[in-house]
Amino acid sequence: MLPKTVKDNLLKTLGIESADQDKQEEFLSSFEDLISAVVLDLILESLTDEEKETFLKLNAQDSIGEKAINYALEKIPNLEGKIGEKVKEEILALN
């Protein structure tokens, strides 16, 4: 779930802050799905097969996925920066 300030800034930047609430929520939900897919793809392509197995087991144990994300952060150098770059690429590709 994106923080409210991020949502507000995103809607304003894209010029859809005056759209009706349903359209805004639909866009934000799609955007969050895109980010989740990009992050998961990046993590899985960066881990070895054994690490992927551990990551997926941890993810299944925790509905929030906190243990799995912490594991990925430990195993993948500069994961935060890589996620930022990958999300930026995907957003630019949408335009």
C-alpha atoms as a PDB file:
ATOM      1  CA  MET A   1       0.000   0.000   0.000  1.00  0.00           C
ATOM      2  CA  LEU A   2       1.431   3.342  -1.000  1.00  0.00           C
ATOM      3  CA  PRO A   3       1.561   6.081   1.637  1.00  0.00           C
ATOM      4  CA  LYS A   4      -1.047   8.852   1.208  1.00  0.00           C
ATOM      5  CA  THR A   5       1.566  11.497   0.341  1.00  0.00           C
ATOM      6  CA  VAL A   6       2.987   9.275  -2.403  1.00  0.00           C
ATOM      7  CA  LYS A   7      -0.525   8.662  -3.777  1.00  0.00           C
ATOM      8  CA  ASP A   8      -1.351  12.367  -3.719  1.00  0.00           C
ATOM      9  CA  ASN A   9       1.910  13.329  -5.422  1.00  0.00           C
ATOM     10  CA  LEU A  10       1.506  10.618  -8.039  1.00  0.00           C
ATOM     11  CA  LEU A  11      -2.052  11.687  -8.884  1.00  0.00           C
ATOM     12  CA  LYS A  12      -0.996  15.343  -9.042  1.00  0.00           C
ATOM     13  CA  THR A  13       2.066  14.610 -11.198  1.00  0.00           C
ATOM     14  CA  LEU A  14      -0.053  12.669 -13.670  1.00  0.00           C
ATOM     15  CA  GLY A  15      -2.769  15.328 -13.645  1.00  0.00           C
ATOM     16  CA  ILE A  16      -5.525  13.011 -12.480  1.00  0.00           C
ATOM     17  CA  GLU A  17      -6.049  14.398  -8.985  1.00  0.00           C
ATOM     18  CA  SER A  18      -9.430  15.796 -10.088  1.00  0.00           C
ATOM     19  CA  ALA A  19     -10.647  12.484 -11.561  1.00  0.00           C
ATOM     20  CA  ASP A  20     -13.428  10.726  -9.682  1.00  0.00           C
ATOM     21  CA  GLN A  21     -12.465   8.589  -6.695  1.00  0.00           C
ATOM     22  CA  ASP A  22     -13.120   5.271  -8.476  1.00  0.00           C
ATOM     23  CA  LYS A  23     -10.787   6.175 -11.367  1.00  0.00           C
ATOM     24  CA  GLN A  24      -8.086   7.286  -8.937  1.00  0.00           C
ATOM     25  CA  GLU A  25      -8.338   4.062  -6.937  1.00  0.00           C
ATOM     26  CA  GLU A  26      -8.302   1.968 -10.117  1.00  0.00           C
ATOM     27  CA  PHE A  27      -5.142   3.705 -11.308  1.00  0.00           C
ATOM     28  CA  LEU A  28      -3.414   3.435  -7.916  1.00  0.00           C
ATOM     29  CA  SER A  29      -4.283  -0.243  -7.638  1.00  0.00           C
ATOM     30  CA  SER A  30      -2.836  -0.914 -11.102  1.00  0.00           C
ATOM     31  CA  PHE A  31       0.259   1.087 -10.231  1.00  0.00           C
ATOM     32  CA  GLU A  32       0.775  -0.882  -6.999  1.00  0.00           C
ATOM     33  CA  ASP A  33       0.331  -4.155  -8.925  1.00  0.00           C
ATOM     34  CA  LEU A  34       2.957  -3.012 -11.444  1.00  0.00           C
ATOM     35  CA  ILE A  35       5.418  -2.143  -8.691  1.00  0.00           C
ATOM     36  CA  SER A  36       4.817  -5.475  -6.932  1.00  0.00           C
ATOM     37  CA  ALA A  37       5.361  -7.417 -10.146  1.00  0.00           C
ATOM     38  CA  VAL A  38       8.530  -5.476 -10.995  1.00  0.00           C
ATOM     39  CA  VAL A  39       9.964  -5.972  -7.513  1.00  0.00           C
ATOM     40  CA  LEU A  40       9.179  -9.694  -7.446  1.00  0.00           C
ATOM     41  CA  ASP A  41      10.628 -10.192 -10.929  1.00  0.00           C
ATOM     42  CA  LEU A  42      13.800  -8.321 -10.020  1.00  0.00           C
ATOM     43  CA  ILE A  43      14.244 -10.294  -6.808  1.00  0.00           C
ATOM     44  CA  LEU A  44      13.716 -13.656  -8.475  1.00  0.00           C
ATOM     45  CA  GLU A  45      16.076 -12.907 -11.358  1.00  0.00           C
ATOM     46  CA  SER A  46      18.762 -11.799  -8.882  1.00  0.00           C
ATOM     47  CA  LEU A  47      18.701 -14.890  -6.648  1.00  0.00           C
ATOM     48  CA  THR A  48      20.231 -18.314  -7.205  1.00  0.00           C
ATOM     49  CA  ASP A  49      17.843 -21.263  -7.498  1.00  0.00           C
ATOM     50  CA  GLU A  50      18.510 -22.240  -3.879  1.00  0.00           C
ATOM     51  CA  GLU A  51      17.962 -18.651  -2.702  1.00  0.00           C
ATOM     52  CA  LYS A  52      14.728 -18.428  -4.724  1.00  0.00           C
ATOM     53  CA  GLU A  53      13.433 -21.527  -2.978  1.00  0.00           C
ATOM     54  CA  THR A  54      14.234 -20.039   0.437  1.00  0.00           C
ATOM     55  CA  PHE A  55      12.698 -16.686  -0.554  1.00  0.00           C
ATOM     56  CA  LEU A  56       9.464 -18.306  -1.734  1.00  0.00           C
ATOM     57  CA  LYS A  57       9.225 -20.463   1.412  1.00  0.00           C
ATOM     58  CA  LEU A  58       9.697 -17.396   3.613  1.00  0.00           C
ATOM     59  CA  ASN A  59       7.132 -15.477   1.588  1.00  0.00           C
ATOM     60  CA  ALA A  60       4.580 -18.275   2.029  1.00  0.00           C
ATOM     61  CA  GLN A  61       5.098 -18.241   5.808  1.00  0.00           C
ATOM     62  CA  ASP A  62       4.407 -14.521   6.197  1.00  0.00           C
ATOM     63  CA  SER A  63       1.345 -12.835   4.666  1.00  0.00           C
ATOM     64  CA  ILE A  64       3.125  -9.473   4.600  1.00  0.00           C
ATOM     65  CA  GLY A  65       6.288 -10.956   3.136  1.00  0.00           C
ATOM     66  CA  GLU A  66       8.540  -9.099   5.557  1.00  0.00           C
ATOM     67  CA  LYS A  67      10.820 -12.087   6.211  1.00  0.00           C
ATOM     68  CA  ALA A  68      11.188 -12.743   2.483  1.00  0.00           C
ATOM     69  CA  ILE A  69      11.967  -9.104   1.707  1.00  0.00           C
ATOM     70  CA  ASN A  70      14.539  -8.939   4.500  1.00  0.00           C
ATOM     71  CA  TYR A  71      16.111 -12.120   3.124  1.00  0.00           C
ATOM     72  CA  ALA A  72      16.249 -10.589  -0.374  1.00  0.00           C
ATOM     73  CA  LEU A  73      17.770  -7.367   0.993  1.00  0.00           C
ATOM     74  CA  GLU A  74      20.448  -9.452   2.687  1.00  0.00           C
ATOM     75  CA  LYS A  75      21.248 -11.513  -0.424  1.00  0.00           C
ATOM     76  CA  ILE A  76      21.036  -8.874  -3.182  1.00  0.00           C
ATOM     77  CA  PRO A  77      23.483  -5.955  -3.016  1.00  0.00           C
ATOM     78  CA  ASN A  78      21.872  -2.537  -3.643  1.00  0.00           C
ATOM     79  CA  LEU A  79      18.388  -4.035  -4.018  1.00  0.00           C
ATOM     80  CA  GLU A  80      16.674  -0.741  -3.189  1.00  0.00           C
ATOM     81  CA  GLY A  81      18.547   1.090  -5.958  1.00  0.00           C
ATOM     82  CA  LYS A  82      17.892  -1.700  -8.443  1.00  0.00           C
ATOM     83  CA  ILE A  83      14.160  -1.614  -7.608  1.00  0.00           C
ATOM     84  CA  GLY A  84      14.051   2.148  -8.112  1.00  0.00           C
ATOM     85  CA  GLU A  85      15.736   1.896 -11.501  1.00  0.00           C
ATOM     86  CA  LYS A  86      13.543  -1.002 -12.647  1.00  0.00           C
ATOM     87  CA  VAL A  87      10.316   0.751 -11.576  1.00  0.00           C
ATOM     88  CA  LYS A  88      11.465   3.910 -13.369  1.00  0.00           C
ATOM     89  CA  GLU A  89      12.133   1.898 -16.555  1.00  0.00           C
ATOM     90  CA  GLU A  90       8.708   0.253 -16.411  1.00  0.00           C
ATOM     91  CA  ILE A  91       6.910   3.558 -15.842  1.00  0.00           C
ATOM     92  CA  LEU A  92       8.750   5.190 -18.731  1.00  0.00           C
ATOM     93  CA  ALA A  93       7.873   2.216 -20.928  1.00  0.00           C
ATOM     94  CA  LEU A  94       4.179   2.846 -20.228  1.00  0.00           C
ATOM     95  CA  ASN A  95       4.362   6.285 -21.810  1.00  0.00           C
END
